[in-house]
Amino acid sequence: MLTFTLRRLNLLFFTLLMLSIMSFSLSYLFPGDELINLTGQVNADEQQLAELAQIYQMDQSIFHQYAAYVGQIFDGNFGISMSSQMPISVELVTFLPATIELCLAALFIALLFGVPLGFLAAVFHNKAIDKVILTFAMIGYSIPVFWLALILILIFSITLSWFPSSGQLNLLFEIEQVTGFKFIDIILSDSSYTWQALKDAFMHIIMPAFAVAMAPMTIFIRLARTSMLDVLESNYIKAAKAKGLSQTHIIYHHGIRNSLVGIVRQIGLNFSNLVTIAMIAEVIFDWQGAGSWLIQSIFERDYTAIQGGLIALATFTFFINILSDFLYATLNPLERHKKHGT
C-alpha cells in the first residue's frame, strides 16, 4: 500500500507541476502586459506596479518568475479579477461550492439509475430488456447537454410548472452564505422556514443535476453491464451454479458485489466529464457556480480569473481521481501490489 500511495503522490506532484506551468504560461500567451495578466491589477499606478514586479520578480529570469508565481499560489494569492476587482480566491470560495454540489448531485443520480440499469441489462443479456436499455444509453449519450437542458425547461418548467427553471433558491428565502453549499447553509441557518427552503433548493437542483447526469449515467450503464457480464462468465460463478445455487442468490451475493469493484474506479475518471458538462448546464440554468463564472470570465477576457479557475477546477478534479483510486485499491487488494502503474 505504501508503494501505491507513493506512486499516486508522485503522479499528483507532476500533474500539479505541469498544471502550474501551463497556467503561468497563459500570462505570456494572453494579450497585454504579463504582470497585469498575473495579478489583475488593471488600475494600479506606477508605484504599485513596481511593488508587484518586485514580488513576482519580473526583472529576473523566467524560472525566478515562475517560482514567485507558485509561491503566491501556495499563499492563496491568485490575483484579483480584472472585471470585478475582487480577489480570485474569494470568488472561488463563493462559486466553487455550488459547482461541487451540482456535480455530486449529478453523480448520485448517474450511479442511482445507471448502475442498476446496467446490471439489469446484463442479467437479461440479449433479450428485449437488454436491447431497450442499450438503446436508451446510446440515445442519452448522443443528446447534447444544452439541448437536453432546454427541453427539460420547456417541458417541466414552462409547460407543466413542476420545477423552477433557474437559480439555486427562491429569492424569498434569505439564507446567509457560510460554506457556499446551499443545502448545508440552509441547515446551519436558524430561520423558521428551514424545511421550506430545503424543499425549494431540492426542487431547484433536480433539473440541472439530471441534465448533467445524463451522459455519465449512460456510461455507467455500459460499464455496469460489461462488468456484470464478465463476473457472470467467471469460473467461481460457474462453480456456484454447479453447487446448485439459484440465479438470484448468485447475482445478489456474488455478482453485484464483485461487479461494483470495477465501477468504482471509473467514478473518478467520469467526474471530469461531470465538471465539463456542469459548466454548460450552469449557464443555461443560471446556476451561480464556478463553471458559469469561468465562462463569463472568458467572455469578459478576465485573464486572471481564467488562470485561477483553471488551477482550482483541475486540481479539484484530480483530487477526486486520486480519491477514487484509493477507494478502488481498498476494495481490490490486487491493485496495491502491481509492479507498474496504469
Protein backbone atom coordinates (compact mmCIF):
# COMPACT_ATOMS: atom_id res chain seq x y z
CA MET A 1 0.00 0.00 0.00
CA LEU A 2 2.95 2.32 0.66
CA THR A 3 4.22 1.87 -2.90
CA PHE A 4 0.73 2.52 -4.26
CA THR A 5 0.45 5.71 -2.18
CA LEU A 6 3.90 6.99 -3.20
CA ARG A 7 3.08 6.32 -6.86
CA ARG A 8 -0.13 8.35 -6.59
CA LEU A 9 1.63 11.20 -4.75
CA ASN A 10 4.29 11.23 -7.45
CA LEU A 11 1.59 11.46 -10.11
CA LEU A 12 -0.09 14.24 -8.12
CA PHE A 13 3.17 16.22 -7.91
CA PHE A 14 3.95 16.07 -11.63
CA THR A 15 0.36 16.81 -12.61
CA LEU A 16 0.22 19.91 -10.42
CA LEU A 17 3.65 20.92 -11.74
CA MET A 18 2.50 20.76 -15.36
CA LEU A 19 -0.75 22.50 -14.46
CA SER A 20 1.07 25.39 -12.79
CA ILE A 21 3.47 25.72 -15.74
CA MET A 22 0.56 25.88 -18.18
CA SER A 23 -1.28 28.44 -16.04
CA PHE A 24 1.86 30.57 -15.71
CA SER A 25 2.46 30.41 -19.47
CA LEU A 26 -1.01 31.81 -20.15
CA SER A 27 0.06 35.19 -18.76
CA TYR A 28 2.53 35.43 -21.65
CA LEU A 29 0.17 33.98 -24.25
CA PHE A 30 -2.72 36.32 -23.40
CA PRO A 31 -2.58 39.82 -24.92
CA GLY A 32 -1.46 42.67 -22.70
CA ASP A 33 1.16 43.08 -20.01
CA GLU A 34 2.33 39.87 -18.34
CA LEU A 35 2.35 41.37 -14.84
CA ILE A 36 -1.22 42.63 -15.18
CA ASN A 37 -2.33 39.23 -16.52
CA LEU A 38 -0.81 37.57 -13.44
CA THR A 39 -2.15 39.98 -10.85
CA GLY A 40 -5.28 41.50 -12.42
CA GLN A 41 -4.22 44.97 -11.23
CA VAL A 42 -5.55 46.89 -14.23
CA ASN A 43 -5.94 50.14 -12.24
CA ALA A 44 -2.59 50.05 -10.46
CA ASP A 45 -0.34 53.12 -10.53
CA GLU A 46 3.38 53.05 -11.27
CA GLN A 47 4.38 52.57 -7.64
CA GLN A 48 2.01 49.62 -7.17
CA LEU A 49 3.21 48.04 -10.41
CA ALA A 50 6.81 48.41 -9.26
CA GLU A 51 5.98 46.65 -5.97
CA LEU A 52 4.16 43.86 -7.84
CA ALA A 53 7.08 43.50 -10.24
CA GLN A 54 9.36 43.04 -7.25
CA ILE A 55 7.05 40.44 -5.70
CA TYR A 56 6.78 38.45 -8.92
CA GLN A 57 10.49 39.06 -9.73
CA MET A 58 9.75 40.34 -13.20
CA ASP A 59 13.33 41.65 -13.51
CA GLN A 60 14.71 38.12 -13.02
CA SER A 61 14.76 35.10 -15.31
CA ILE A 62 11.63 33.20 -16.31
CA PHE A 63 12.43 30.49 -13.76
CA HIS A 64 12.53 33.01 -10.91
CA GLN A 65 9.22 34.46 -12.14
CA TYR A 66 7.65 31.01 -12.16
CA ALA A 67 8.94 30.26 -8.66
CA ALA A 68 7.49 33.55 -7.41
CA TYR A 69 4.16 32.76 -9.09
CA VAL A 70 3.99 29.32 -7.46
CA GLY A 71 4.86 30.87 -4.12
CA GLN A 72 1.94 33.27 -4.43
CA ILE A 73 -0.40 30.38 -5.26
CA PHE A 74 0.71 28.46 -2.17
CA ASP A 75 -0.04 31.60 -0.16
CA GLY A 76 -3.58 31.56 -1.58
CA ASN A 77 -2.97 34.62 -3.77
CA PHE A 78 -4.37 34.02 -7.27
CA GLY A 79 -4.51 37.73 -8.04
CA ILE A 80 -7.67 39.79 -8.41
CA SER A 81 -10.37 39.68 -11.05
CA MET A 82 -9.89 42.17 -13.88
CA SER A 83 -13.63 42.75 -14.15
CA SER A 84 -14.85 42.78 -10.53
CA GLN A 85 -11.53 43.68 -8.83
CA MET A 86 -12.29 41.04 -6.21
CA PRO A 87 -9.64 38.52 -5.10
CA ILE A 88 -9.81 35.35 -7.17
CA SER A 89 -9.59 33.25 -4.00
CA VAL A 90 -12.73 34.95 -2.64
CA GLU A 91 -14.63 34.33 -5.89
CA LEU A 92 -13.53 30.69 -5.93
CA VAL A 93 -14.77 30.21 -2.37
CA THR A 94 -18.04 31.86 -3.42
CA PHE A 95 -18.72 29.95 -6.64
CA LEU A 96 -16.85 26.61 -6.43
CA PRO A 97 -19.07 25.01 -3.72
CA ALA A 98 -22.14 25.41 -5.95
CA THR A 99 -20.38 23.51 -8.75
CA ILE A 100 -19.28 20.77 -6.34
CA GLU A 101 -22.83 20.49 -5.02
CA LEU A 102 -24.26 20.18 -8.54
CA CYS A 103 -21.65 17.62 -9.62
CA LEU A 104 -22.18 15.46 -6.52
CA ALA A 105 -25.94 15.50 -7.05
CA ALA A 106 -25.47 14.58 -10.72
CA LEU A 107 -23.03 11.81 -9.79
CA PHE A 108 -25.54 10.41 -7.30
CA ILE A 109 -28.28 10.37 -9.96
CA ALA A 110 -25.97 8.79 -12.54
CA LEU A 111 -24.99 5.99 -10.15
CA LEU A 112 -28.50 5.54 -8.76
CA PHE A 113 -30.03 4.88 -12.18
CA GLY A 114 -27.06 3.87 -14.33
CA VAL A 115 -25.63 1.01 -12.29
CA PRO A 116 -28.94 -0.86 -11.65
CA LEU A 117 -29.97 -0.48 -15.29
CA GLY A 118 -26.59 -1.85 -16.38
CA PHE A 119 -26.96 -4.84 -14.07
CA LEU A 120 -30.49 -5.40 -15.31
CA ALA A 121 -29.30 -5.37 -18.92
CA ALA A 122 -26.57 -7.92 -18.09
CA VAL A 123 -28.96 -10.26 -16.29
CA PHE A 124 -31.31 -10.22 -19.31
CA HIS A 125 -28.47 -10.35 -21.82
CA ASN A 126 -29.57 -10.35 -25.50
CA LYS A 127 -33.21 -10.09 -24.50
CA ALA A 128 -35.71 -7.30 -25.08
CA ILE A 129 -34.89 -5.50 -21.80
CA ASP A 130 -31.19 -5.51 -22.66
CA LYS A 131 -31.83 -4.01 -26.10
CA VAL A 132 -34.15 -1.32 -24.71
CA ILE A 133 -31.63 -0.27 -22.06
CA LEU A 134 -28.76 -0.19 -24.56
CA THR A 135 -30.88 1.89 -26.95
CA PHE A 136 -31.64 4.34 -24.13
CA ALA A 137 -27.92 4.51 -23.29
CA MET A 138 -26.97 5.28 -26.89
CA ILE A 139 -29.64 7.96 -27.26
CA GLY A 140 -28.84 9.51 -23.86
CA TYR A 141 -25.14 9.69 -24.64
CA SER A 142 -25.83 11.32 -28.01
CA ILE A 143 -28.06 14.11 -26.66
CA PRO A 144 -26.15 17.41 -26.21
CA VAL A 145 -26.46 18.77 -22.69
CA PHE A 146 -27.59 22.23 -23.82
CA TRP A 147 -30.41 20.73 -25.91
CA LEU A 148 -31.47 18.41 -23.07
CA ALA A 149 -31.43 21.31 -20.60
CA LEU A 150 -33.64 23.44 -22.85
CA ILE A 151 -36.08 20.54 -23.39
CA LEU A 152 -36.30 19.97 -19.64
CA ILE A 153 -37.04 23.65 -19.07
CA LEU A 154 -39.65 23.68 -21.84
CA ILE A 155 -41.49 20.60 -20.55
CA PHE A 156 -41.13 20.66 -16.77
CA SER A 157 -40.86 24.40 -16.11
CA ILE A 158 -42.87 26.18 -18.78
CA THR A 159 -45.49 23.56 -19.73
CA LEU A 160 -46.01 21.59 -16.50
CA SER A 161 -44.66 24.14 -13.98
CA TRP A 162 -43.23 21.35 -11.83
CA PHE A 163 -39.72 22.71 -11.30
CA PRO A 164 -38.15 26.20 -11.35
CA SER A 165 -36.14 26.95 -14.47
CA SER A 166 -33.19 28.84 -12.98
CA GLY A 167 -31.29 29.68 -9.83
CA GLN A 168 -30.46 27.71 -6.71
CA LEU A 169 -33.06 29.04 -4.29
CA ASN A 170 -36.12 31.27 -4.36
CA LEU A 171 -35.28 34.88 -3.56
CA LEU A 172 -37.94 34.86 -0.85
CA PHE A 173 -35.63 32.75 1.32
CA GLU A 174 -32.84 34.80 2.85
CA ILE A 175 -30.07 32.32 3.63
CA GLU A 176 -26.68 33.62 4.70
CA GLN A 177 -23.75 32.03 2.86
CA VAL A 178 -21.48 30.23 5.33
CA THR A 179 -19.96 27.28 3.49
CA GLY A 180 -21.18 28.03 -0.04
CA PHE A 181 -23.02 24.69 -0.16
CA LYS A 182 -26.65 25.71 -0.35
CA PHE A 183 -28.10 22.71 1.50
CA ILE A 184 -25.56 22.97 4.31
CA ASP A 185 -26.11 26.71 4.65
CA ILE A 186 -29.87 26.17 4.90
CA ILE A 187 -29.40 23.55 7.63
CA LEU A 188 -26.98 25.80 9.53
CA SER A 189 -29.33 28.78 9.36
CA ASP A 190 -31.64 29.37 12.31
CA SER A 191 -34.54 30.54 10.15
CA SER A 192 -38.11 29.45 10.78
CA TYR A 193 -38.53 28.23 7.19
CA THR A 194 -35.64 25.75 7.05
CA TRP A 195 -37.69 22.83 5.71
CA GLN A 196 -39.42 25.01 3.11
CA ALA A 197 -36.04 26.31 1.96
CA LEU A 198 -34.62 22.78 1.76
CA LYS A 199 -37.57 21.66 -0.34
CA ASP A 200 -37.17 24.68 -2.62
CA ALA A 201 -33.41 24.06 -3.02
CA PHE A 202 -34.15 20.40 -3.81
CA MET A 203 -36.65 21.42 -6.50
CA HIS A 204 -34.09 23.82 -7.99
CA ILE A 205 -31.31 21.23 -8.27
CA ILE A 206 -33.29 18.36 -9.82
CA MET A 207 -33.33 19.51 -13.45
CA PRO A 208 -29.71 20.79 -13.62
CA ALA A 209 -28.45 17.64 -11.90
CA PHE A 210 -30.43 15.38 -14.22
CA ALA A 211 -29.16 17.24 -17.31
CA VAL A 212 -25.56 16.91 -16.11
CA ALA A 213 -26.06 13.26 -15.09
CA MET A 214 -27.47 12.00 -18.39
CA ALA A 215 -24.17 11.36 -20.22
CA PRO A 216 -22.34 9.81 -17.22
CA MET A 217 -25.45 7.72 -16.50
CA THR A 218 -25.26 6.11 -19.93
CA ILE A 219 -21.55 5.42 -19.39
CA PHE A 220 -22.27 3.74 -16.06
CA ILE A 221 -24.98 1.65 -17.74
CA ARG A 222 -22.48 0.21 -20.19
CA LEU A 223 -19.76 -0.18 -17.57
CA ALA A 224 -22.09 -1.99 -15.16
CA ARG A 225 -23.41 -4.21 -17.94
CA THR A 226 -19.92 -5.18 -19.10
CA SER A 227 -18.66 -5.71 -15.56
CA MET A 228 -21.62 -7.90 -14.62
CA LEU A 229 -21.27 -9.99 -17.80
CA ASP A 230 -17.58 -10.58 -17.04
CA VAL A 231 -18.41 -11.64 -13.49
CA LEU A 232 -21.22 -13.98 -14.60
CA GLU A 233 -18.83 -15.69 -17.01
CA SER A 234 -16.08 -16.19 -14.42
CA ASN A 235 -15.09 -19.58 -13.04
CA TYR A 236 -16.27 -19.02 -9.47
CA ILE A 237 -19.77 -18.16 -10.73
CA LYS A 238 -19.76 -21.37 -12.75
CA ALA A 239 -18.70 -23.23 -9.61
CA ALA A 240 -21.55 -21.61 -7.66
CA LYS A 241 -24.01 -22.73 -10.33
CA ALA A 242 -22.58 -26.25 -10.17
CA LYS A 243 -23.24 -26.29 -6.42
CA GLY A 244 -26.90 -25.67 -7.13
CA LEU A 245 -27.15 -22.02 -6.02
CA SER A 246 -30.04 -20.13 -7.58
CA GLN A 247 -29.51 -17.40 -10.15
CA THR A 248 -31.00 -14.80 -7.80
CA HIS A 249 -28.65 -15.80 -4.96
CA ILE A 250 -25.63 -15.72 -7.28
CA ILE A 251 -26.46 -12.27 -8.61
CA TYR A 252 -27.22 -10.63 -5.25
CA HIS A 253 -24.46 -12.26 -3.18
CA HIS A 254 -21.67 -12.63 -5.74
CA GLY A 255 -22.42 -10.82 -8.99
CA ILE A 256 -23.30 -7.32 -7.78
CA ARG A 257 -20.59 -7.18 -5.11
CA ASN A 258 -17.79 -8.14 -7.49
CA SER A 259 -19.12 -6.06 -10.37
CA LEU A 260 -19.11 -2.88 -8.28
CA VAL A 261 -15.34 -3.09 -7.79
CA GLY A 262 -14.67 -2.36 -11.45
CA ILE A 263 -17.16 0.50 -11.50
CA VAL A 264 -15.68 2.36 -8.53
CA ARG A 265 -12.50 3.23 -10.41
CA GLN A 266 -14.49 4.77 -13.26
CA ILE A 267 -16.18 7.23 -10.93
CA GLY A 268 -13.12 9.45 -10.74
CA LEU A 269 -12.46 9.20 -14.47
CA ASN A 270 -16.01 10.29 -15.26
CA PHE A 271 -16.02 13.10 -12.71
CA SER A 272 -14.02 15.30 -15.09
CA ASN A 273 -16.81 14.83 -17.63
CA LEU A 274 -19.30 15.91 -14.97
CA VAL A 275 -17.40 19.14 -14.33
CA THR A 276 -17.19 19.93 -18.05
CA ILE A 277 -20.90 19.25 -18.62
CA ALA A 278 -21.80 21.21 -15.48
CA MET A 279 -20.11 24.33 -16.88
CA ILE A 280 -22.58 24.35 -19.78
CA ALA A 281 -25.59 23.47 -17.65
CA GLU A 282 -24.78 26.24 -15.16
CA VAL A 283 -25.09 28.86 -17.87
CA ILE A 284 -28.45 27.55 -19.10
CA PHE A 285 -29.97 27.12 -15.63
CA ASP A 286 -28.37 30.31 -14.26
CA TRP A 287 -26.61 28.23 -11.63
CA GLN A 288 -24.15 30.51 -9.85
CA GLY A 289 -21.21 28.12 -9.83
CA ALA A 290 -17.57 28.14 -10.86
CA GLY A 291 -18.46 26.91 -14.35
CA SER A 292 -20.70 29.84 -15.25
CA TRP A 293 -18.26 32.20 -13.51
CA LEU A 294 -15.37 30.85 -15.60
CA ILE A 295 -17.31 31.06 -18.86
CA GLN A 296 -18.32 34.62 -18.00
CA SER A 297 -14.66 35.39 -17.34
CA ILE A 298 -13.79 34.09 -20.80
CA PHE A 299 -16.38 36.39 -22.39
CA GLU A 300 -15.08 39.34 -20.35
CA ARG A 301 -11.43 38.45 -21.12
CA ASP A 302 -10.68 38.27 -17.42
CA TYR A 303 -7.36 36.50 -17.84
CA THR A 304 -6.51 36.36 -14.14
CA ALA A 305 -9.82 34.64 -13.35
CA ILE A 306 -9.26 32.17 -16.19
CA GLN A 307 -5.88 31.17 -14.76
CA GLY A 308 -7.20 30.85 -11.20
CA GLY A 309 -10.31 28.95 -12.29
CA LEU A 310 -8.22 26.57 -14.40
CA ILE A 311 -5.99 25.68 -11.45
CA ALA A 312 -8.87 25.31 -8.99
CA LEU A 313 -11.14 23.14 -11.16
CA ALA A 314 -8.33 20.95 -12.50
CA THR A 315 -6.86 20.41 -9.01
CA PHE A 316 -10.27 19.54 -7.57
CA THR A 317 -10.97 17.07 -10.39
CA PHE A 318 -7.57 15.43 -9.99
CA PHE A 319 -8.06 15.01 -6.23
CA ILE A 320 -11.35 13.22 -6.94
CA ASN A 321 -9.47 10.87 -9.28
CA ILE A 322 -6.86 10.17 -6.62
CA LEU A 323 -9.60 9.54 -4.04
CA SER A 324 -11.35 7.06 -6.34
CA ASP A 325 -8.03 5.26 -6.94
CA PHE A 326 -7.53 4.82 -3.19
CA LEU A 327 -11.11 3.59 -2.82
CA TYR A 328 -10.57 1.13 -5.66
CA ALA A 329 -7.34 -0.10 -4.07
CA THR A 330 -9.17 -0.59 -0.79
CA LEU A 331 -11.82 -2.75 -2.46
CA ASN A 332 -9.37 -4.58 -4.72
CA PRO A 333 -6.19 -5.60 -2.82
CA LEU A 334 -4.57 -6.95 -6.00
CA GLU A 335 -4.30 -3.37 -7.31
CA ARG A 336 -1.95 -2.37 -4.47
CA HIS A 337 0.72 -4.91 -5.45
CA LYS A 338 1.04 -4.15 -9.13
CA LYS A 339 4.63 -3.50 -10.13
CA HIS A 340 3.73 -1.00 -12.82
CA GLY A 341 1.28 1.90 -12.73
CA THR A 342 -1.65 2.03 -15.09
